[in-house]
Amino acid sequence: MLLPLGGCGRKGDPIPRTRSAPGPCTVRWASHRVLEVHLPLADAKGVELVGVEKVRIFYLPLGASRPSPQEVIARGEVVLERSRPDLPGPGGTLSLDMRQIGRQPGWLVAAAVRVGNVVGAPSEPLPWLDPAI
């Protein structure tokens, strides 16, 4: 009589929830070489974001036209990265000093990264001017 009850239910470790990519960051220049990154509050599905592991700044050299945010991530390089515990929580603002990157004119994009290297939606491209200016 107890034999059929022993075979019910799922066996093994629980399967963790799949992680959605973070929503896009909002970026703006706070001063000449200080980039202000406002972290997203929600993930790509609109669910409240629990946390961000890293913020990456991508750089793409100046081209003939303004690139899309996805193009900067695909063809560009990571020039600056901040990780926890140096990050504020979701919705917080992070100021980054960009004087050390030393790149020629181009475009910058910020993207939040969740645990498991899940890169979020990129911000709108910002122009990066000649460092000599």
C-alpha atoms as a PDB file:
ATOM      1  CA  MET A   1       0.000   0.000   0.000  1.00  0.00           C
ATOM      2  CA  LEU A   2       2.863   2.454   0.715  1.00  0.00           C
ATOM      3  CA  LEU A   3       4.810   1.498  -2.422  1.00  0.00           C
ATOM      4  CA  PRO A   4       2.972   3.868  -4.809  1.00  0.00           C
ATOM      5  CA  LEU A   5       3.484   6.846  -2.445  1.00  0.00           C
ATOM      6  CA  GLY A   6       7.251   6.391  -2.364  1.00  0.00           C
ATOM      7  CA  GLY A   7       7.553   7.156  -6.089  1.00  0.00           C
ATOM      8  CA  CYS A   8       5.855  10.597  -6.048  1.00  0.00           C
ATOM      9  CA  GLY A   9       7.584  13.911  -6.340  1.00  0.00           C
ATOM     10  CA  ARG A  10      10.714  15.158  -7.931  1.00  0.00           C
ATOM     11  CA  LYS A  11      14.039  13.733  -6.879  1.00  0.00           C
ATOM     12  CA  GLY A  12      17.356  15.526  -6.748  1.00  0.00           C
ATOM     13  CA  ASP A  13      18.448  19.089  -6.128  1.00  0.00           C
ATOM     14  CA  PRO A  14      15.992  21.907  -6.801  1.00  0.00           C
ATOM     15  CA  ILE A  15      16.457  23.713 -10.104  1.00  0.00           C
ATOM     16  CA  PRO A  16      17.347  27.387  -9.574  1.00  0.00           C
ATOM     17  CA  ARG A  17      15.350  30.109 -11.297  1.00  0.00           C
ATOM     18  CA  THR A  18      16.757  31.242 -14.596  1.00  0.00           C
ATOM     19  CA  ARG A  19      18.262  34.682 -14.307  1.00  0.00           C
ATOM     20  CA  SER A  20      17.044  37.384 -16.639  1.00  0.00           C
ATOM     21  CA  ALA A  21      19.463  39.998 -17.860  1.00  0.00           C
ATOM     22  CA  PRO A  22      19.400  43.351 -16.047  1.00  0.00           C
ATOM     23  CA  GLY A  23      17.638  46.264 -17.662  1.00  0.00           C
ATOM     24  CA  PRO A  24      19.649  49.087 -19.244  1.00  0.00           C
ATOM     25  CA  CYS A  25      21.760  51.465 -17.176  1.00  0.00           C
ATOM     26  CA  THR A  26      21.325  55.203 -17.590  1.00  0.00           C
ATOM     27  CA  VAL A  27      24.578  57.097 -18.124  1.00  0.00           C
ATOM     28  CA  ARG A  28      25.553  60.755 -18.347  1.00  0.00           C
ATOM     29  CA  TRP A  29      28.635  62.899 -17.953  1.00  0.00           C
ATOM     30  CA  ALA A  30      28.738  64.397 -14.428  1.00  0.00           C
ATOM     31  CA  SER A  31      31.825  66.441 -15.343  1.00  0.00           C
ATOM     32  CA  HIS A  32      34.572  66.452 -17.968  1.00  0.00           C
ATOM     33  CA  ARG A  33      35.889  62.929 -17.237  1.00  0.00           C
ATOM     34  CA  VAL A  34      33.476  61.584 -14.603  1.00  0.00           C
ATOM     35  CA  LEU A  35      30.811  59.211 -15.860  1.00  0.00           C
ATOM     36  CA  GLU A  36      27.674  58.826 -13.759  1.00  0.00           C
ATOM     37  CA  VAL A  37      26.011  55.404 -14.091  1.00  0.00           C
ATOM     38  CA  HIS A  38      22.506  54.913 -12.705  1.00  0.00           C
ATOM     39  CA  LEU A  39      21.875  51.179 -12.153  1.00  0.00           C
ATOM     40  CA  PRO A  40      18.565  49.615 -13.266  1.00  0.00           C
ATOM     41  CA  LEU A  41      15.753  48.776 -10.857  1.00  0.00           C
ATOM     42  CA  ALA A  42      14.337  45.875 -12.891  1.00  0.00           C
ATOM     43  CA  ASP A  43      15.528  43.082 -15.146  1.00  0.00           C
ATOM     44  CA  ALA A  44      14.664  42.692 -18.837  1.00  0.00           C
ATOM     45  CA  LYS A  45      11.319  41.058 -17.956  1.00  0.00           C
ATOM     46  CA  GLY A  46      10.294  43.932 -15.670  1.00  0.00           C
ATOM     47  CA  VAL A  47      10.770  41.946 -12.448  1.00  0.00           C
ATOM     48  CA  GLU A  48      12.463  43.714  -9.549  1.00  0.00           C
ATOM     49  CA  LEU A  49      16.240  43.326  -9.802  1.00  0.00           C
ATOM     50  CA  VAL A  50      17.801  41.676  -6.751  1.00  0.00           C
ATOM     51  CA  GLY A  51      21.397  42.674  -7.387  1.00  0.00           C
ATOM     52  CA  VAL A  52      24.158  43.455  -9.833  1.00  0.00           C
ATOM     53  CA  GLU A  53      27.523  41.690  -9.748  1.00  0.00           C
ATOM     54  CA  LYS A  54      29.471  44.083 -12.030  1.00  0.00           C
ATOM     55  CA  VAL A  55      29.212  47.182 -14.172  1.00  0.00           C
ATOM     56  CA  ARG A  56      31.232  47.165 -17.378  1.00  0.00           C
ATOM     57  CA  ILE A  57      32.132  50.142 -19.567  1.00  0.00           C
ATOM     58  CA  PHE A  58      32.687  49.251 -23.230  1.00  0.00           C
ATOM     59  CA  TYR A  59      34.643  51.405 -25.705  1.00  0.00           C
ATOM     60  CA  LEU A  60      34.463  51.427 -29.515  1.00  0.00           C
ATOM     61  CA  PRO A  61      36.727  53.693 -31.615  1.00  0.00           C
ATOM     62  CA  LEU A  62      35.136  56.462 -33.641  1.00  0.00           C
ATOM     63  CA  GLY A  63      33.631  55.286 -36.929  1.00  0.00           C
ATOM     64  CA  ALA A  64      31.753  56.790 -39.842  1.00  0.00           C
ATOM     65  CA  SER A  65      28.397  56.763 -38.024  1.00  0.00           C
ATOM     66  CA  ARG A  66      26.948  56.488 -34.542  1.00  0.00           C
ATOM     67  CA  PRO A  67      26.901  52.781 -33.557  1.00  0.00           C
ATOM     68  CA  SER A  68      24.018  50.996 -31.888  1.00  0.00           C
ATOM     69  CA  PRO A  69      24.506  50.003 -28.216  1.00  0.00           C
ATOM     70  CA  GLN A  70      24.659  46.303 -29.173  1.00  0.00           C
ATOM     71  CA  GLU A  71      27.359  47.048 -31.768  1.00  0.00           C
ATOM     72  CA  VAL A  72      29.552  48.728 -29.129  1.00  0.00           C
ATOM     73  CA  ILE A  73      29.303  45.638 -26.912  1.00  0.00           C
ATOM     74  CA  ALA A  74      29.888  43.195 -29.787  1.00  0.00           C
ATOM     75  CA  ARG A  75      32.817  44.998 -31.450  1.00  0.00           C
ATOM     76  CA  GLY A  76      34.180  47.049 -28.566  1.00  0.00           C
ATOM     77  CA  GLU A  77      36.428  46.306 -25.622  1.00  0.00           C
ATOM     78  CA  VAL A  78      35.918  46.497 -21.865  1.00  0.00           C
ATOM     79  CA  VAL A  79      37.897  49.491 -20.601  1.00  0.00           C
ATOM     80  CA  LEU A  80      36.599  49.687 -17.040  1.00  0.00           C
ATOM     81  CA  GLU A  81      34.838  47.262 -14.715  1.00  0.00           C
ATOM     82  CA  ARG A  82      33.555  47.669 -11.170  1.00  0.00           C
ATOM     83  CA  SER A  83      32.490  44.697  -9.050  1.00  0.00           C
ATOM     84  CA  ARG A  84      30.738  44.160  -5.747  1.00  0.00           C
ATOM     85  CA  PRO A  85      31.150  45.296  -2.973  1.00  0.00           C
ATOM     86  CA  ASP A  86      32.027  48.651  -4.623  1.00  0.00           C
ATOM     87  CA  LEU A  87      28.593  48.879  -6.272  1.00  0.00           C
ATOM     88  CA  PRO A  88      25.416  50.473  -4.954  1.00  0.00           C
ATOM     89  CA  GLY A  89      22.187  48.484  -4.933  1.00  0.00           C
ATOM     90  CA  PRO A  90      19.676  48.468  -7.795  1.00  0.00           C
ATOM     91  CA  GLY A  91      18.602  52.006  -8.650  1.00  0.00           C
ATOM     92  CA  GLY A  92      21.756  53.468  -7.107  1.00  0.00           C
ATOM     93  CA  THR A  93      24.212  55.798  -8.802  1.00  0.00           C
ATOM     94  CA  LEU A  94      27.899  55.079  -9.371  1.00  0.00           C
ATOM     95  CA  SER A  95      30.481  57.719 -10.362  1.00  0.00           C
ATOM     96  CA  LEU A  96      33.427  56.498 -12.443  1.00  0.00           C
ATOM     97  CA  ASP A  97      36.599  58.482 -13.119  1.00  0.00           C
ATOM     98  CA  MET A  98      37.400  57.884 -16.797  1.00  0.00           C
ATOM     99  CA  ARG A  99      40.774  59.697 -16.932  1.00  0.00           C
ATOM    100  CA  GLN A 100      42.754  56.453 -16.787  1.00  0.00           C
ATOM    101  CA  ILE A 101      41.344  54.795 -19.931  1.00  0.00           C
ATOM    102  CA  GLY A 102      43.495  56.855 -22.351  1.00  0.00           C
ATOM    103  CA  ARG A 103      41.665  56.007 -25.590  1.00  0.00           C
ATOM    104  CA  GLN A 104      41.206  58.012 -28.772  1.00  0.00           C
ATOM    105  CA  PRO A 105      37.769  59.502 -29.646  1.00  0.00           C
ATOM    106  CA  GLY A 106      35.005  56.938 -29.782  1.00  0.00           C
ATOM    107  CA  TRP A 107      31.874  55.725 -28.026  1.00  0.00           C
ATOM    108  CA  LEU A 108      31.197  54.458 -24.496  1.00  0.00           C
ATOM    109  CA  VAL A 109      28.407  52.171 -23.324  1.00  0.00           C
ATOM    110  CA  ALA A 110      27.632  50.875 -19.805  1.00  0.00           C
ATOM    111  CA  ALA A 111      26.076  47.485 -19.035  1.00  0.00           C
ATOM    112  CA  ALA A 112      25.124  45.849 -15.738  1.00  0.00           C
ATOM    113  CA  VAL A 113      26.151  42.196 -15.255  1.00  0.00           C
ATOM    114  CA  ARG A 114      24.404  39.669 -12.992  1.00  0.00           C
ATOM    115  CA  VAL A 115      25.902  36.590 -11.357  1.00  0.00           C
ATOM    116  CA  GLY A 116      26.734  33.980 -13.997  1.00  0.00           C
ATOM    117  CA  ASN A 117      28.105  36.651 -16.391  1.00  0.00           C
ATOM    118  CA  VAL A 118      24.602  37.583 -17.642  1.00  0.00           C
ATOM    119  CA  VAL A 119      25.204  40.912 -19.399  1.00  0.00           C
ATOM    120  CA  GLY A 120      22.253  43.288 -19.322  1.00  0.00           C
ATOM    121  CA  ALA A 121      20.926  45.654 -21.933  1.00  0.00           C
ATOM    122  CA  PRO A 122      23.463  48.350 -22.827  1.00  0.00           C
ATOM    123  CA  SER A 123      22.947  52.050 -22.241  1.00  0.00           C
ATOM    124  CA  GLU A 124      22.765  54.548 -25.074  1.00  0.00           C
ATOM    125  CA  PRO A 125      26.225  55.322 -26.549  1.00  0.00           C
ATOM    126  CA  LEU A 126      27.979  58.395 -25.174  1.00  0.00           C
ATOM    127  CA  PRO A 127      30.695  60.169 -27.169  1.00  0.00           C
ATOM    128  CA  TRP A 128      34.238  59.917 -25.814  1.00  0.00           C
ATOM    129  CA  LEU A 129      36.308  62.917 -26.878  1.00  0.00           C
ATOM    130  CA  ASP A 130      40.034  63.289 -27.379  1.00  0.00           C
ATOM    131  CA  PRO A 131      41.715  63.076 -23.948  1.00  0.00           C
ATOM    132  CA  ALA A 132      43.865  66.127 -24.786  1.00  0.00           C
ATOM    133  CA  ILE A 133      40.798  68.392 -24.723  1.00  0.00           C
END
